[in-house]
Amino acid sequence: MKFQYIKLSMLTLVLSLGACNKKIDLYPIASDTEANFYRDQKDCFQGLAAAYNVLLWDAPQNQNAPFQLISEVLGDKCFTGGASATDLPALLRVDRGIIRTDDLTPKAMWYKYYYGIYRTNILLEKLPAATFDEPELRERYAAEAKFLRAYYYFDLVRLFGNVPLILKTLAPSEYNQKQATPEEVYKQIGDDLLAAINVLPHYKDLPADQYGRVTSDAAGALLMRVWLYYTGYYKKAEMPNVSSTQILDISEKVINQSGHDLLPKFSDVFVNDAPFNHNNKESVFEIQYSSKANSGNFSYREEANGNLAVMLWAPRDPNSASIFSAGWSFAPIDAEFYNSFPNDDLRKDATFLLPKNISVSFTPGYQNTDIFPKKWMALKANQATRGDFRLNFPNHFIAIRFSDVLLMASELNLLHGGSAAKAQTYFEKVAKRAHQAGYVAPTVTLDVLYRERELELALEGVRYWDLMRRGLDYAKSKIDINRGEPFISKFNMDAEGLFPIPQEEIINAKYTLSQNKGYF
């Protein structure tokens, strides 16, 4: 399979692993190969940075495919957008549930995640023989690599369902890997995250110059998300090797021992203008995008380190007097979602931007609704001064927020043998921040909880996966939208909401891979 053809000469990228502009410079070394790299602690640190770096690949194989934006188009709150219906036709097919087996979007996602898995696997293989000046760091690097492998496999198995489980570098004779069962993949994800939880430091103990690196709390929070998705989508009582009692205990530790908390104001989480409020205490795991890449252009976008979703989501050609940088108007927000947002909810103004309401004109794109995500705005003040600024916006992306942890913990307590009082407490903590003093929160139920998630985590790439874990019929009831052309979205029930296995990968694997249901 093609994802295995990777050399260490690719380590020419830069990853920000913390605040205070502390960078890992990955310089090209012509003589370094897989065989003679990873010799010492410095080499292994660079290998770890390379494993993190795949998080930044919003355009794998030059396809515009940020995971958070793709997830929103799959869901029920955003359409396709762009300049026209033919601007990014593969994304339109994602929105309408008619993805082709030769489409570039699933191919790009498959490539991205297996590339990341390869980089974690080779680091884990090489760590035991490397020379370390600080031996305790060997175990920490391994734990970080295991978190990243779990993170990549979770996105991969959610997208494709039936994927090869590869835990080592492969010889050419081993390229024809068969698919594992989802249960086997989720068991490995759980094992990797449990190992990371037991080794990594808590957020409260992390020096500021290491913000952005994985913590024990990030591993625990990700395991909560994985556990809820697996048990929901596959209708299981528990996840392999992780009981309901165990995941409840993990949730309590993340909430009470991590040092994370909600910020007093919701709007402070998503500060877009300098200075950014990056890596704040509400951020449990944050992808550290950067504007520092000298390279990275439209011929090879993987070398850019910026948040491409910022450009993809922004208005086209805002008037020159405005503070906004010109974007590409993909994933326009459904007006019905905006209108359903309560006006007394303090999150509304922090979530949505309506340019016309502030006298900003722009060129309407395909499926224009006049509504854009305020959480991720492309501002002129944030344009990079090196590389192509359109690919290098430095807005970080918070992959897991503490508010999500509280809502997941509420759900775990509500449905999986926990405390009803804790379910209410954790729910209310999130809901009350979103309203003026004196707000009385409703009694938490599953529907009330999902509505809160819909409002709190709007446009953060969470909604589709929430729908999927409530059942395919439920997902279809929400995603199937037909208001007349061009405002149409459709859920692929036959495919059970999954992407097709890229046909090219099936051919490369000599047909040892089987195509997902609903695709031919």
Protein backbone atom coordinates (compact mmCIF):
# COMPACT_ATOMS: atom_id res chain seq x y z
CA MET A 1 0.00 0.00 0.00
CA LYS A 2 1.38 3.37 -1.00
CA PHE A 3 1.35 4.92 2.44
CA GLN A 4 4.43 2.85 3.32
CA TYR A 5 6.72 4.54 0.80
CA ILE A 6 8.05 7.23 3.11
CA LYS A 7 11.62 8.33 3.74
CA LEU A 8 13.07 10.40 6.55
CA SER A 9 14.22 12.95 4.01
CA MET A 10 10.61 14.16 4.31
CA LEU A 11 11.48 15.61 7.73
CA THR A 12 11.92 19.13 6.40
CA LEU A 13 8.95 20.64 8.18
CA VAL A 14 8.48 22.82 11.25
CA LEU A 15 6.11 21.99 14.10
CA SER A 16 5.23 24.31 16.94
CA LEU A 17 4.94 22.19 20.08
CA GLY A 18 4.30 25.01 22.47
CA ALA A 19 3.69 28.60 23.28
CA CYS A 20 6.48 31.19 23.49
CA ASN A 21 7.33 30.39 19.84
CA LYS A 22 9.41 27.38 20.80
CA LYS A 23 9.91 25.47 17.54
CA ILE A 24 11.41 22.23 16.42
CA ASP A 25 13.44 22.88 13.29
CA LEU A 26 13.50 19.85 11.04
CA TYR A 27 16.31 20.51 8.60
CA PRO A 28 16.98 18.39 5.51
CA ILE A 29 19.79 15.92 6.07
CA ALA A 30 20.80 14.31 2.80
CA SER A 31 22.70 11.46 4.45
CA ASP A 32 20.04 10.51 6.98
CA THR A 33 17.87 7.48 6.17
CA GLU A 34 15.54 5.24 8.12
CA ALA A 35 18.48 2.92 8.81
CA ASN A 36 20.79 5.45 10.45
CA PHE A 37 18.41 8.06 11.89
CA TYR A 38 16.84 7.76 15.37
CA ARG A 39 20.29 7.30 16.88
CA ASP A 40 19.83 9.51 19.91
CA GLN A 41 17.47 11.69 21.88
CA LYS A 42 17.70 14.58 19.41
CA ASP A 43 16.88 12.34 16.44
CA CYS A 44 13.93 10.84 18.29
CA PHE A 45 12.62 14.29 19.19
CA GLN A 46 12.66 15.20 15.51
CA GLY A 47 10.91 11.93 14.71
CA LEU A 48 8.25 12.79 17.29
CA ALA A 49 7.85 16.24 15.76
CA ALA A 50 7.35 14.61 12.36
CA ALA A 51 4.60 12.44 13.84
CA TYR A 52 2.87 15.53 15.25
CA ASN A 53 3.30 17.36 11.97
CA VAL A 54 0.72 15.25 10.16
CA LEU A 55 -1.92 16.93 12.34
CA LEU A 56 -1.29 20.04 10.23
CA TRP A 57 -1.98 18.39 6.88
CA ASP A 58 -5.19 20.10 5.81
CA ALA A 59 -4.41 19.51 2.13
CA PRO A 60 -3.01 15.98 1.91
CA GLN A 61 -2.05 15.13 -1.65
CA ASN A 62 -2.97 18.75 -2.50
CA GLN A 63 -6.65 18.14 -1.77
CA ASN A 64 -8.40 20.76 0.37
CA ALA A 65 -9.59 18.46 3.16
CA PRO A 66 -9.32 19.79 6.73
CA PHE A 67 -10.94 17.14 8.91
CA GLN A 68 -13.03 19.65 10.86
CA LEU A 69 -14.48 21.20 7.70
CA ILE A 70 -15.12 17.83 6.02
CA SER A 71 -16.91 16.73 9.21
CA GLU A 72 -19.19 19.78 9.09
CA VAL A 73 -20.07 19.21 5.43
CA LEU A 74 -20.91 15.59 6.28
CA GLY A 75 -23.27 16.83 8.98
CA ASP A 76 -26.43 18.92 8.95
CA LYS A 77 -25.21 22.47 9.62
CA CYS A 78 -23.14 23.32 6.52
CA PHE A 79 -23.50 22.89 2.77
CA THR A 80 -20.69 22.65 0.18
CA GLY A 81 -20.06 26.19 -1.02
CA GLY A 82 -17.08 27.47 -2.95
CA ALA A 83 -17.21 29.61 -6.08
CA SER A 84 -19.61 27.31 -7.92
CA ALA A 85 -21.02 23.80 -7.96
CA THR A 86 -17.91 22.69 -9.90
CA ASP A 87 -15.36 24.40 -7.65
CA LEU A 88 -14.70 21.30 -5.53
CA PRO A 89 -17.02 18.61 -6.93
CA ALA A 90 -15.66 15.89 -4.63
CA LEU A 91 -16.80 17.95 -1.62
CA LEU A 92 -20.24 18.38 -3.18
CA ARG A 93 -20.47 14.61 -3.48
CA VAL A 94 -19.52 14.31 0.21
CA ASP A 95 -22.41 16.62 1.07
CA ARG A 96 -24.89 14.71 -1.08
CA GLY A 97 -23.88 11.19 -0.09
CA ILE A 98 -22.71 10.19 -3.55
CA ILE A 99 -18.95 9.83 -3.00
CA ARG A 100 -17.14 7.86 -5.71
CA THR A 101 -14.56 5.19 -5.01
CA ASP A 102 -12.05 7.15 -7.11
CA ASP A 103 -12.78 10.53 -5.49
CA LEU A 104 -9.74 12.40 -4.23
CA THR A 105 -11.17 13.37 -0.82
CA PRO A 106 -11.26 9.85 0.70
CA LYS A 107 -7.95 9.07 -0.98
CA ALA A 108 -6.36 12.14 0.63
CA MET A 109 -7.70 11.28 4.09
CA TRP A 110 -6.52 7.65 3.83
CA TYR A 111 -3.09 8.88 2.78
CA LYS A 112 -2.86 11.44 5.59
CA TYR A 113 -3.72 9.12 8.44
CA TYR A 114 -1.62 6.18 7.31
CA TYR A 115 1.29 8.56 6.80
CA GLY A 116 0.86 9.67 10.42
CA ILE A 117 0.55 6.07 11.61
CA TYR A 118 3.75 5.17 9.76
CA ARG A 119 5.63 7.96 11.51
CA THR A 120 4.44 6.84 14.94
CA ASN A 121 5.22 3.19 14.23
CA ILE A 122 8.79 3.79 13.12
CA LEU A 123 9.47 6.01 16.14
CA LEU A 124 8.10 3.35 18.50
CA GLU A 125 10.30 0.73 16.84
CA LYS A 126 13.46 2.82 17.02
CA LEU A 127 13.11 4.28 20.52
CA PRO A 128 14.40 1.24 22.49
CA ALA A 129 17.81 1.24 20.79
CA ALA A 130 18.35 5.02 20.74
CA THR A 131 20.75 6.71 23.17
CA PHE A 132 19.00 9.07 25.60
CA ASP A 133 20.69 11.66 27.82
CA GLU A 134 17.44 11.81 29.82
CA PRO A 135 16.16 8.22 29.96
CA GLU A 136 12.74 9.21 31.27
CA LEU A 137 12.05 11.00 27.99
CA ARG A 138 12.14 7.72 26.07
CA GLU A 139 8.95 6.62 27.82
CA ARG A 140 7.32 10.02 27.32
CA TYR A 141 8.09 10.09 23.58
CA ALA A 142 6.63 6.60 23.27
CA ALA A 143 3.47 7.69 25.10
CA GLU A 144 3.06 10.74 22.86
CA ALA A 145 3.52 8.56 19.77
CA LYS A 146 0.88 6.14 21.05
CA PHE A 147 -1.56 9.01 21.59
CA LEU A 148 -0.95 10.23 18.04
CA ARG A 149 -1.36 6.73 16.61
CA ALA A 150 -4.66 6.43 18.47
CA TYR A 151 -5.75 9.87 17.25
CA TYR A 152 -4.98 9.01 13.63
CA TYR A 153 -6.63 5.60 13.84
CA PHE A 154 -9.76 7.07 15.42
CA ASP A 155 -10.29 9.52 12.56
CA LEU A 156 -9.47 6.74 10.08
CA VAL A 157 -11.85 4.15 11.53
CA ARG A 158 -14.64 6.70 11.89
CA LEU A 159 -14.28 7.67 8.24
CA PHE A 160 -13.75 4.24 6.70
CA GLY A 161 -14.90 1.69 9.26
CA ASN A 162 -12.91 -1.25 7.93
CA VAL A 163 -9.19 -0.52 7.81
CA PRO A 164 -5.90 -2.41 8.12
CA LEU A 165 -4.43 -2.31 11.61
CA ILE A 166 -0.71 -1.71 11.11
CA LEU A 167 1.47 -1.52 14.20
CA LYS A 168 4.93 -1.85 12.64
CA THR A 169 6.81 -0.79 9.55
CA LEU A 170 6.14 -3.20 6.70
CA ALA A 171 8.49 -5.04 4.39
CA PRO A 172 7.46 -5.00 0.70
CA SER A 173 6.24 -8.57 1.05
CA GLU A 174 3.77 -7.38 3.72
CA TYR A 175 2.11 -4.54 1.82
CA ASN A 176 -1.05 -6.53 1.06
CA GLN A 177 -2.57 -6.03 4.48
CA LYS A 178 -6.12 -7.19 5.16
CA GLN A 179 -8.67 -5.11 7.03
CA ALA A 180 -9.05 -5.58 10.76
CA THR A 181 -12.44 -5.63 12.41
CA PRO A 182 -13.53 -2.33 13.95
CA GLU A 183 -13.42 -4.03 17.34
CA GLU A 184 -9.72 -4.85 16.85
CA VAL A 185 -8.94 -1.28 15.83
CA TYR A 186 -10.83 0.21 18.78
CA LYS A 187 -9.12 -2.18 21.16
CA GLN A 188 -5.74 -0.92 19.93
CA ILE A 189 -6.86 2.70 20.21
CA GLY A 190 -7.91 2.03 23.78
CA ASP A 191 -4.68 0.25 24.64
CA ASP A 192 -2.59 3.11 23.22
CA LEU A 193 -4.56 5.76 25.08
CA LEU A 194 -4.48 3.87 28.38
CA ALA A 195 -0.70 3.57 28.02
CA ALA A 196 -0.45 7.32 27.34
CA ILE A 197 -2.68 8.20 30.32
CA ASN A 198 -0.38 6.31 32.66
CA VAL A 199 2.84 8.04 31.49
CA LEU A 200 2.16 11.59 30.33
CA PRO A 201 2.10 14.65 32.61
CA HIS A 202 -1.07 16.48 33.56
CA TYR A 203 -1.81 19.82 31.94
CA LYS A 204 -1.37 21.56 35.31
CA ASP A 205 2.23 20.27 35.50
CA LEU A 206 3.16 21.19 31.92
CA PRO A 207 5.62 24.08 31.46
CA ALA A 208 4.23 26.87 29.29
CA ASP A 209 6.86 26.27 26.61
CA GLN A 210 5.45 22.74 26.17
CA TYR A 211 1.83 23.71 25.64
CA GLY A 212 0.44 21.89 22.66
CA ARG A 213 2.14 18.62 23.48
CA VAL A 214 -0.02 15.72 24.53
CA THR A 215 -0.92 15.34 28.20
CA SER A 216 -2.44 12.55 30.25
CA ASP A 217 -5.64 14.59 30.31
CA ALA A 218 -5.77 14.87 26.50
CA ALA A 219 -5.40 11.09 26.30
CA GLY A 220 -8.19 10.61 28.85
CA ALA A 221 -10.49 13.05 27.04
CA LEU A 222 -9.84 11.40 23.68
CA LEU A 223 -10.60 8.01 25.20
CA MET A 224 -13.92 9.39 26.46
CA ARG A 225 -14.75 10.51 22.91
CA VAL A 226 -13.66 7.17 21.44
CA TRP A 227 -15.62 5.19 24.03
CA LEU A 228 -18.84 7.09 23.43
CA TYR A 229 -18.49 6.82 19.66
CA TYR A 230 -17.74 3.10 19.64
CA THR A 231 -20.55 2.20 22.04
CA GLY A 232 -22.98 4.49 20.22
CA TYR A 233 -22.24 3.71 16.57
CA TYR A 234 -21.77 -0.03 17.09
CA LYS A 235 -24.47 -0.32 19.81
CA LYS A 236 -22.15 -1.91 22.36
CA ALA A 237 -22.38 -1.79 26.13
CA GLU A 238 -18.65 -1.17 26.55
CA MET A 239 -15.47 -0.72 24.55
CA PRO A 240 -12.92 -3.55 24.34
CA ASN A 241 -10.69 -3.47 27.45
CA VAL A 242 -12.36 -0.30 28.78
CA SER A 243 -15.37 -0.80 31.04
CA SER A 244 -18.03 1.78 31.80
CA THR A 245 -16.70 2.00 35.36
CA GLN A 246 -13.21 2.67 34.04
CA ILE A 247 -14.26 5.40 31.61
CA LEU A 248 -16.31 7.10 34.33
CA ASP A 249 -13.24 7.11 36.56
CA ILE A 250 -11.11 8.54 33.74
CA SER A 251 -13.65 11.31 33.17
CA GLU A 252 -13.55 12.25 36.85
CA LYS A 253 -9.77 12.49 36.79
CA VAL A 254 -9.76 14.73 33.69
CA ILE A 255 -12.33 17.01 35.29
CA ASN A 256 -10.89 17.16 38.79
CA GLN A 257 -7.14 16.55 38.49
CA SER A 258 -6.06 18.05 35.15
CA GLY A 259 -6.05 21.76 35.96
CA HIS A 260 -8.35 22.42 32.99
CA ASP A 261 -11.48 24.52 33.43
CA LEU A 262 -13.91 26.66 31.47
CA LEU A 263 -12.94 30.22 30.72
CA PRO A 264 -15.39 32.68 32.31
CA LYS A 265 -16.49 33.96 28.87
CA PHE A 266 -17.20 31.68 25.92
CA SER A 267 -16.03 34.34 23.46
CA ASP A 268 -12.54 34.38 24.99
CA VAL A 269 -11.92 30.82 23.78
CA PHE A 270 -11.96 31.90 20.13
CA VAL A 271 -10.02 35.15 20.05
CA ASN A 272 -9.05 35.59 16.38
CA ASP A 273 -7.18 38.87 16.51
CA ALA A 274 -3.73 39.30 18.03
CA PRO A 275 -2.90 38.30 20.61
CA PHE A 276 -4.50 34.91 20.14
CA ASN A 277 -5.71 33.15 23.25
CA HIS A 278 -3.98 29.95 22.24
CA ASN A 279 -3.47 27.04 24.64
CA ASN A 280 -5.76 28.47 27.31
CA LYS A 281 -6.96 26.34 30.21
CA GLU A 282 -10.10 25.29 28.36
CA SER A 283 -8.00 23.75 25.59
CA VAL A 284 -7.42 20.06 26.31
CA PHE A 285 -5.81 19.22 22.98
CA GLU A 286 -4.96 21.96 20.51
CA ILE A 287 -3.47 21.58 17.04
CA GLN A 288 -0.60 24.05 16.80
CA TYR A 289 -0.92 25.65 13.38
CA SER A 290 1.80 28.11 12.43
CA SER A 291 2.51 30.94 9.99
CA LYS A 292 6.26 30.29 10.05
CA ALA A 293 6.64 27.99 7.03
CA ASN A 294 8.91 29.44 4.36
CA SER A 295 7.80 26.81 1.87
CA GLY A 296 4.39 25.41 1.12
CA ASN A 297 2.59 26.50 -2.02
CA PHE A 298 -0.25 25.35 -4.21
CA SER A 299 1.98 22.78 -5.88
CA TYR A 300 2.91 21.17 -2.56
CA ARG A 301 0.61 22.22 0.25
CA GLU A 302 1.79 19.68 2.81
CA GLU A 303 4.79 21.87 3.57
CA ALA A 304 2.53 24.69 4.74
CA ASN A 305 1.78 24.67 8.45
CA GLY A 306 -1.25 26.96 8.54
CA ASN A 307 -4.92 26.34 9.26
CA LEU A 308 -6.39 25.95 5.79
CA ALA A 309 -9.96 25.74 7.11
CA VAL A 310 -9.69 29.44 8.00
CA MET A 311 -9.33 30.31 4.31
CA LEU A 312 -11.79 27.73 3.04
CA TRP A 313 -14.54 29.02 5.35
CA ALA A 314 -14.04 32.78 4.93
CA PRO A 315 -16.11 35.15 2.69
CA ARG A 316 -14.98 35.75 -0.88
CA ASP A 317 -13.61 39.20 -1.72
CA PRO A 318 -14.67 41.23 1.32
CA ASN A 319 -14.46 44.96 0.67
CA SER A 320 -10.96 46.38 0.98
CA ALA A 321 -11.80 48.57 3.96
CA SER A 322 -12.75 45.57 6.07
CA ILE A 323 -10.49 43.69 8.48
CA PHE A 324 -11.12 40.40 6.68
CA SER A 325 -8.84 38.55 4.33
CA ALA A 326 -10.41 37.12 1.18
CA GLY A 327 -11.42 33.47 1.52
CA TRP A 328 -13.11 30.81 -0.58
CA SER A 329 -16.60 30.54 1.00
CA PHE A 330 -16.73 26.78 1.41
CA ALA A 331 -19.05 25.09 3.92
CA PRO A 332 -21.66 27.89 4.13
CA ILE A 333 -23.69 27.67 7.33
CA ASP A 334 -27.32 26.65 7.11
CA ALA A 335 -29.53 29.66 7.82
CA GLU A 336 -31.96 27.44 9.70
CA PHE A 337 -29.24 26.55 12.18
CA TYR A 338 -28.46 30.22 12.75
CA ASN A 339 -32.14 31.04 13.18
CA SER A 340 -32.61 28.18 15.63
CA PHE A 341 -29.87 29.53 17.91
CA PRO A 342 -31.56 31.27 20.88
CA ASN A 343 -31.03 35.02 20.85
CA ASP A 344 -30.38 35.03 24.59
CA ASP A 345 -27.53 32.53 24.17
CA LEU A 346 -24.23 34.39 24.59
CA ARG A 347 -22.54 31.93 22.24
CA LYS A 348 -24.49 33.12 19.21
CA ASP A 349 -22.46 36.26 18.58
CA ALA A 350 -19.18 34.41 19.16
CA THR A 351 -20.14 31.59 16.78
CA PHE A 352 -21.48 33.38 13.69
CA LEU A 353 -20.35 36.25 11.50
CA LEU A 354 -22.89 38.02 9.31
CA PRO A 355 -20.73 40.39 7.23
CA LYS A 356 -23.65 42.43 5.91
CA ASN A 357 -24.69 43.28 9.46
CA ILE A 358 -21.39 45.11 9.93
CA SER A 359 -21.41 46.75 6.47
CA VAL A 360 -18.91 44.31 4.94
CA SER A 361 -19.71 43.43 1.35
CA PHE A 362 -18.42 40.26 -0.33
CA THR A 363 -18.89 38.17 -3.46
CA PRO A 364 -21.58 35.54 -2.85
CA GLY A 365 -20.38 32.02 -3.49
CA TYR A 366 -22.28 28.85 -4.31
CA GLN A 367 -25.08 28.17 -1.79
CA ASN A 368 -24.37 31.52 -0.10
CA THR A 369 -26.35 32.06 3.10
CA ASP A 370 -24.63 35.29 4.24
CA ILE A 371 -23.44 33.43 7.39
CA PHE A 372 -19.84 32.46 8.23
CA PRO A 373 -18.08 30.96 11.27
CA LYS A 374 -16.79 33.66 13.60
CA LYS A 375 -14.76 31.08 15.51
CA TRP A 376 -12.44 30.71 12.51
CA MET A 377 -12.06 34.01 10.70
CA ALA A 378 -9.37 34.92 8.17
CA LEU A 379 -8.14 38.36 9.22
CA LYS A 380 -5.66 40.54 7.36
CA ALA A 381 -3.80 41.05 10.62
CA ASN A 382 -3.04 37.32 10.73
CA GLN A 383 -1.69 36.94 7.21
CA ALA A 384 1.69 35.24 7.13
CA THR A 385 4.74 37.21 6.00
CA ARG A 386 6.44 34.16 4.49
CA GLY A 387 5.27 31.41 2.18
CA ASP A 388 1.77 31.74 0.74
CA PHE A 389 -0.35 33.44 3.41
CA ARG A 390 -3.48 31.67 2.19
CA LEU A 391 -1.97 28.39 3.38
CA ASN A 392 -0.37 29.71 6.54
CA PHE A 393 -2.98 31.23 8.81
CA PRO A 394 -1.77 30.69 12.40
CA ASN A 395 -5.19 30.15 14.02
CA HIS A 396 -4.88 27.05 16.18
CA PHE A 397 -7.67 24.48 16.24
CA ILE A 398 -8.87 23.15 19.60
CA ALA A 399 -9.56 19.51 18.82
CA ILE A 400 -10.86 18.81 22.36
CA ARG A 401 -12.27 21.50 24.67
CA PHE A 402 -12.97 21.17 28.36
CA SER A 403 -16.62 22.00 27.76
CA ASP A 404 -16.80 18.90 25.58
CA VAL A 405 -15.23 16.89 28.41
CA LEU A 406 -17.95 18.12 30.78
CA LEU A 407 -20.73 17.28 28.33
CA MET A 408 -19.24 13.85 27.60
CA ALA A 409 -18.96 13.20 31.33
CA SER A 410 -22.59 14.25 31.75
CA GLU A 411 -23.59 11.75 29.08
CA LEU A 412 -21.49 8.98 30.60
CA ASN A 413 -23.10 9.56 33.99
CA LEU A 414 -26.56 9.81 32.50
CA LEU A 415 -26.45 6.65 30.38
CA HIS A 416 -23.68 4.40 31.60
CA GLY A 417 -24.18 3.77 35.30
CA GLY A 418 -22.92 7.01 36.77
CA SER A 419 -24.47 9.65 38.99
CA ALA A 420 -27.56 11.57 37.85
CA ALA A 421 -26.48 14.46 40.08
CA LYS A 422 -23.08 14.63 38.39
CA ALA A 423 -24.73 14.47 34.97
CA GLN A 424 -26.79 17.54 35.89
CA THR A 425 -23.85 19.39 37.46
CA TYR A 426 -21.53 18.95 34.48
CA PHE A 427 -24.29 19.89 32.03
CA GLU A 428 -25.24 23.00 34.00
CA LYS A 429 -21.65 24.21 34.20
CA VAL A 430 -21.57 24.49 30.40
CA ALA A 431 -25.12 25.73 29.94
CA LYS A 432 -24.97 28.44 32.59
CA ARG A 433 -21.85 30.02 31.10
CA ALA A 434 -23.84 30.55 27.90
CA HIS A 435 -26.52 32.67 29.59
CA GLN A 436 -26.93 35.68 31.81
CA ALA A 437 -26.97 35.33 35.59
CA GLY A 438 -30.21 33.86 36.85
CA TYR A 439 -30.57 31.34 34.02
CA VAL A 440 -32.25 28.14 35.19
CA ALA A 441 -30.96 25.12 33.28
CA PRO A 442 -33.41 22.36 32.33
CA THR A 443 -33.16 18.87 33.73
CA VAL A 444 -30.64 17.02 31.61
CA THR A 445 -31.93 14.31 29.27
CA LEU A 446 -30.27 12.83 26.22
CA ASP A 447 -32.11 15.22 23.88
CA VAL A 448 -31.33 18.22 26.11
CA LEU A 449 -27.68 17.17 26.23
CA TYR A 450 -27.39 16.80 22.46
CA ARG A 451 -28.99 20.19 21.92
CA GLU A 452 -26.40 21.68 24.27
CA ARG A 453 -23.61 19.99 22.33
CA GLU A 454 -25.11 21.36 19.10
CA LEU A 455 -24.89 24.91 20.45
CA GLU A 456 -21.65 24.70 22.45
CA LEU A 457 -19.57 22.83 19.84
CA ALA A 458 -21.07 24.40 16.72
CA LEU A 459 -18.76 24.30 13.67
CA GLU A 460 -16.00 22.46 15.53
CA GLY A 461 -16.21 19.21 13.55
CA VAL A 462 -18.14 17.32 16.23
CA ARG A 463 -21.77 17.36 15.07
CA TYR A 464 -21.63 14.61 12.38
CA TRP A 465 -20.03 12.15 14.74
CA ASP A 466 -22.62 12.95 17.41
CA LEU A 467 -25.35 12.17 14.90
CA MET A 468 -23.70 8.92 13.84
CA ARG A 469 -23.44 7.59 17.38
CA ARG A 470 -27.13 8.16 17.98
CA GLY A 471 -27.95 5.72 15.18
CA LEU A 472 -28.15 5.70 11.41
CA ASP A 473 -31.88 6.43 11.28
CA TYR A 474 -31.38 9.43 13.56
CA ALA A 475 -28.45 10.68 11.47
CA LYS A 476 -30.43 10.35 8.26
CA SER A 477 -33.41 12.20 9.75
CA LYS A 478 -31.17 15.20 10.46
CA ILE A 479 -28.81 15.17 7.48
CA ASP A 480 -31.34 14.63 4.68
CA ILE A 481 -32.19 18.22 3.69
CA ASN A 482 -34.02 19.25 0.54
CA ARG A 483 -35.09 22.85 0.28
CA GLY A 484 -34.79 22.86 -3.47
CA GLU A 485 -31.59 23.36 -5.42
CA PRO A 486 -28.95 24.13 -4.47
CA PHE A 487 -29.68 23.53 -0.76
CA ILE A 488 -29.63 19.74 -0.70
CA SER A 489 -27.76 17.36 1.60
CA LYS A 490 -28.16 13.61 1.81
CA PHE A 491 -27.01 10.80 4.09
CA ASN A 492 -25.76 7.60 2.44
CA MET A 493 -27.72 5.02 4.42
CA ASP A 494 -26.44 2.10 2.33
CA ALA A 495 -22.86 3.02 3.21
CA GLU A 496 -23.77 3.45 6.90
CA GLY A 497 -22.27 6.93 6.81
CA LEU A 498 -18.78 5.70 5.88
CA PHE A 499 -16.41 6.79 3.14
CA PRO A 500 -15.47 4.31 0.42
CA ILE A 501 -12.11 2.58 0.59
CA PRO A 502 -10.12 4.38 -2.13
CA GLN A 503 -10.18 2.20 -5.24
CA GLU A 504 -6.50 2.89 -5.84
CA GLU A 505 -5.66 1.37 -2.45
CA ILE A 506 -7.69 -1.74 -3.26
CA ILE A 507 -5.74 -2.14 -6.49
CA ASN A 508 -2.37 -1.48 -4.82
CA ALA A 509 -3.19 -4.10 -2.18
CA LYS A 510 -3.98 -6.61 -4.94
CA TYR A 511 -7.61 -6.78 -3.86
CA THR A 512 -6.94 -7.97 -0.32
CA LEU A 513 -9.04 -4.98 0.78
CA SER A 514 -12.83 -5.22 0.50
CA GLN A 515 -14.93 -2.21 -0.47
CA ASN A 516 -17.38 -0.82 2.08
CA LYS A 517 -21.09 -1.45 1.70
CA GLY A 518 -22.92 0.99 -0.52
CA TYR A 519 -20.06 1.43 -3.01
CA PHE A 520 -19.25 -0.43 -6.22
